[in-house]
Each structure stands twice: as structure tokens, then as C-alpha cells.
Amino acid sequence: MDDEHSLDDAEHSAEVRAALLRAVETQVRDGDPPETAQTLERLMGEGYPRDEAVRLIGFVLADELFQIMKQEREYDHERFVRLLTRLPETP
């Protein structure tokens, strides 16, 4: 792999991470689903800094999106909530 390709991959990964974090922040702001904000509050109550808690929730969101694409299925709210309740354990 050449350096230019590696740089493009790194930039793409950073963009994807930023988009996921924005999506989590939007869910928290809009209260949709409410479990995202509840999970953020729970994790912060357990001592996680806000940015770390958002990042953990982002792992769950990324996993659900990956499963949607991989399995060509609809969003599974029950699965998403179940994974949120398991945090800080990540999928």
C-alpha cells in the first residue's frame, strides 16, 4: 500500500468517525431514540467523561449500521438498545 492510499484511508476513517459522533450527538439532542441520551447519562454517572461516553455509544451505532449493511436488513431498535445497555462493553 502506498503512502497516498494510506492517507486517503486515514482521512476517510476520520470522516466516518466524525459522522458517527455527530449522529450520536443528534440522537442525544433530539431524544430519538431516548435510550441514547439515557445511556450517555448513565455512562457519565459511572464516571466516564462525556467524550468517551459518546465514543462508546458510537461503537454501538457503528455496529448496528454495519449489521444493517452486512445482513441487508432494517434497523433493529431492540438490538440497538440491548447493546447500549451492555456498555461500556462494546460489540
C-alpha atoms as a PDB file:
ATOM      1  CA  MET A   1       0.000   0.000   0.000  1.00  0.00           C
ATOM      2  CA  ASP A   2       1.419   3.377  -0.919  1.00  0.00           C
ATOM      3  CA  ASP A   3       1.511   6.388   1.382  1.00  0.00           C
ATOM      4  CA  GLU A   4      -1.119   8.300  -0.618  1.00  0.00           C
ATOM      5  CA  HIS A   5      -3.576   5.413  -0.353  1.00  0.00           C
ATOM      6  CA  SER A   6      -2.906   5.115   3.399  1.00  0.00           C
ATOM      7  CA  LEU A   7      -3.526   8.833   3.845  1.00  0.00           C
ATOM      8  CA  ASP A   8      -6.818   8.601   1.944  1.00  0.00           C
ATOM      9  CA  ASP A   9      -7.901   5.669   4.136  1.00  0.00           C
ATOM     10  CA  ALA A  10      -6.969   7.554   7.304  1.00  0.00           C
ATOM     11  CA  GLU A  11      -8.872  10.654   6.164  1.00  0.00           C
ATOM     12  CA  HIS A  12     -11.888   8.521   5.263  1.00  0.00           C
ATOM     13  CA  SER A  13     -11.781   6.769   8.647  1.00  0.00           C
ATOM     14  CA  ALA A  14     -11.610  10.110  10.433  1.00  0.00           C
ATOM     15  CA  GLU A  15     -14.608  11.349   8.443  1.00  0.00           C
ATOM     16  CA  VAL A  16     -16.595   8.229   9.279  1.00  0.00           C
ATOM     17  CA  ARG A  17     -15.744   8.541  12.992  1.00  0.00           C
ATOM     18  CA  ALA A  18     -16.739  12.220  12.963  1.00  0.00           C
ATOM     19  CA  ALA A  19     -20.033  11.394  11.225  1.00  0.00           C
ATOM     20  CA  LEU A  20     -20.818   8.706  13.802  1.00  0.00           C
ATOM     21  CA  LEU A  21     -20.113  11.071  16.684  1.00  0.00           C
ATOM     22  CA  ARG A  22     -22.322  13.732  15.071  1.00  0.00           C
ATOM     23  CA  ALA A  23     -25.085  11.132  14.705  1.00  0.00           C
ATOM     24  CA  VAL A  24     -24.816  10.243  18.393  1.00  0.00           C
ATOM     25  CA  GLU A  25     -24.932  13.936  19.346  1.00  0.00           C
ATOM     26  CA  THR A  26     -28.023  14.382  17.145  1.00  0.00           C
ATOM     27  CA  GLN A  27     -29.730  11.423  18.812  1.00  0.00           C
ATOM     28  CA  VAL A  28     -28.964  12.907  22.232  1.00  0.00           C
ATOM     29  CA  ARG A  29     -30.125  16.396  21.219  1.00  0.00           C
ATOM     30  CA  ASP A  30     -33.339  15.155  19.596  1.00  0.00           C
ATOM     31  CA  GLY A  31     -34.068  12.481  22.197  1.00  0.00           C
ATOM     32  CA  ASP A  32     -34.518   9.963  19.381  1.00  0.00           C
ATOM     33  CA  PRO A  33     -34.100   7.270  20.417  1.00  0.00           C
ATOM     34  CA  PRO A  34     -34.355   8.284  24.072  1.00  0.00           C
ATOM     35  CA  GLU A  35     -32.147   5.370  25.108  1.00  0.00           C
ATOM     36  CA  THR A  36     -29.117   7.101  23.591  1.00  0.00           C
ATOM     37  CA  ALA A  37     -29.405  10.088  25.949  1.00  0.00           C
ATOM     38  CA  GLN A  38     -30.227   7.760  28.843  1.00  0.00           C
ATOM     39  CA  THR A  39     -27.111   5.730  28.111  1.00  0.00           C
ATOM     40  CA  LEU A  40     -24.989   8.871  27.900  1.00  0.00           C
ATOM     41  CA  GLU A  41     -26.252   9.985  31.310  1.00  0.00           C
ATOM     42  CA  ARG A  42     -25.678   6.516  32.776  1.00  0.00           C
ATOM     43  CA  LEU A  43     -22.113   6.290  31.499  1.00  0.00           C
ATOM     44  CA  MET A  44     -21.287   9.781  32.733  1.00  0.00           C
ATOM     45  CA  GLY A  45     -22.799   8.839  36.088  1.00  0.00           C
ATOM     46  CA  GLU A  46     -20.432   5.873  36.138  1.00  0.00           C
ATOM     47  CA  GLY A  47     -17.519   8.271  35.762  1.00  0.00           C
ATOM     48  CA  TYR A  48     -16.888   8.247  32.022  1.00  0.00           C
ATOM     49  CA  PRO A  49     -16.018  11.635  30.538  1.00  0.00           C
ATOM     50  CA  ARG A  50     -18.688  12.826  28.115  1.00  0.00           C
ATOM     51  CA  ASP A  51     -16.493  12.455  25.033  1.00  0.00           C
ATOM     52  CA  GLU A  52     -15.613   8.876  25.986  1.00  0.00           C
ATOM     53  CA  ALA A  53     -19.277   8.035  26.634  1.00  0.00           C
ATOM     54  CA  VAL A  54     -20.244   9.444  23.221  1.00  0.00           C
ATOM     55  CA  ARG A  55     -17.464   7.423  21.618  1.00  0.00           C
ATOM     56  CA  LEU A  56     -18.714   4.228  23.291  1.00  0.00           C
ATOM     57  CA  ILE A  57     -22.240   4.883  22.046  1.00  0.00           C
ATOM     58  CA  GLY A  58     -20.732   5.484  18.615  1.00  0.00           C
ATOM     59  CA  PHE A  59     -19.335   1.929  18.682  1.00  0.00           C
ATOM     60  CA  VAL A  60     -22.860   0.602  19.149  1.00  0.00           C
ATOM     61  CA  LEU A  61     -24.214   2.800  16.356  1.00  0.00           C
ATOM     62  CA  ALA A  62     -21.397   1.728  14.033  1.00  0.00           C
ATOM     63  CA  ASP A  63     -22.058  -1.924  14.811  1.00  0.00           C
ATOM     64  CA  GLU A  64     -25.772  -1.593  14.094  1.00  0.00           C
ATOM     65  CA  LEU A  65     -25.067   0.203  10.805  1.00  0.00           C
ATOM     66  CA  PHE A  66     -22.559  -2.468   9.840  1.00  0.00           C
ATOM     67  CA  GLN A  67     -25.067  -5.239  10.579  1.00  0.00           C
ATOM     68  CA  ILE A  68     -27.745  -3.444   8.531  1.00  0.00           C
ATOM     69  CA  MET A  69     -25.422  -3.373   5.524  1.00  0.00           C
ATOM     70  CA  LYS A  70     -23.957  -6.846   6.045  1.00  0.00           C
ATOM     71  CA  GLN A  71     -27.280  -8.595   6.577  1.00  0.00           C
ATOM     72  CA  GLU A  72     -29.281  -6.288   4.290  1.00  0.00           C
ATOM     73  CA  ARG A  73     -31.876  -5.799   6.992  1.00  0.00           C
ATOM     74  CA  GLU A  74     -33.811  -2.996   8.638  1.00  0.00           C
ATOM     75  CA  TYR A  75     -32.703  -1.138  11.743  1.00  0.00           C
ATOM     76  CA  ASP A  76     -33.284  -3.303  14.828  1.00  0.00           C
ATOM     77  CA  HIS A  77     -34.191  -0.965  17.674  1.00  0.00           C
ATOM     78  CA  GLU A  78     -34.352  -3.748  20.258  1.00  0.00           C
ATOM     79  CA  ARG A  79     -30.849  -4.914  19.343  1.00  0.00           C
ATOM     80  CA  PHE A  80     -29.533  -1.337  19.424  1.00  0.00           C
ATOM     81  CA  VAL A  81     -30.983  -0.770  22.908  1.00  0.00           C
ATOM     82  CA  ARG A  82     -29.691  -4.130  24.130  1.00  0.00           C
ATOM     83  CA  LEU A  83     -26.171  -3.173  23.026  1.00  0.00           C
ATOM     84  CA  LEU A  84     -26.500   0.233  24.697  1.00  0.00           C
ATOM     85  CA  THR A  85     -27.400  -1.444  27.989  1.00  0.00           C
ATOM     86  CA  ARG A  86     -24.215  -3.528  27.783  1.00  0.00           C
ATOM     87  CA  LEU A  87     -21.938  -0.508  27.544  1.00  0.00           C
ATOM     88  CA  PRO A  88     -19.140   0.036  28.453  1.00  0.00           C
ATOM     89  CA  GLU A  89     -18.723  -3.455  26.965  1.00  0.00           C
ATOM     90  CA  THR A  90     -18.505  -2.857  23.231  1.00  0.00           C
ATOM     91  CA  PRO A  91     -19.860  -5.094  20.463  1.00  0.00           C
END
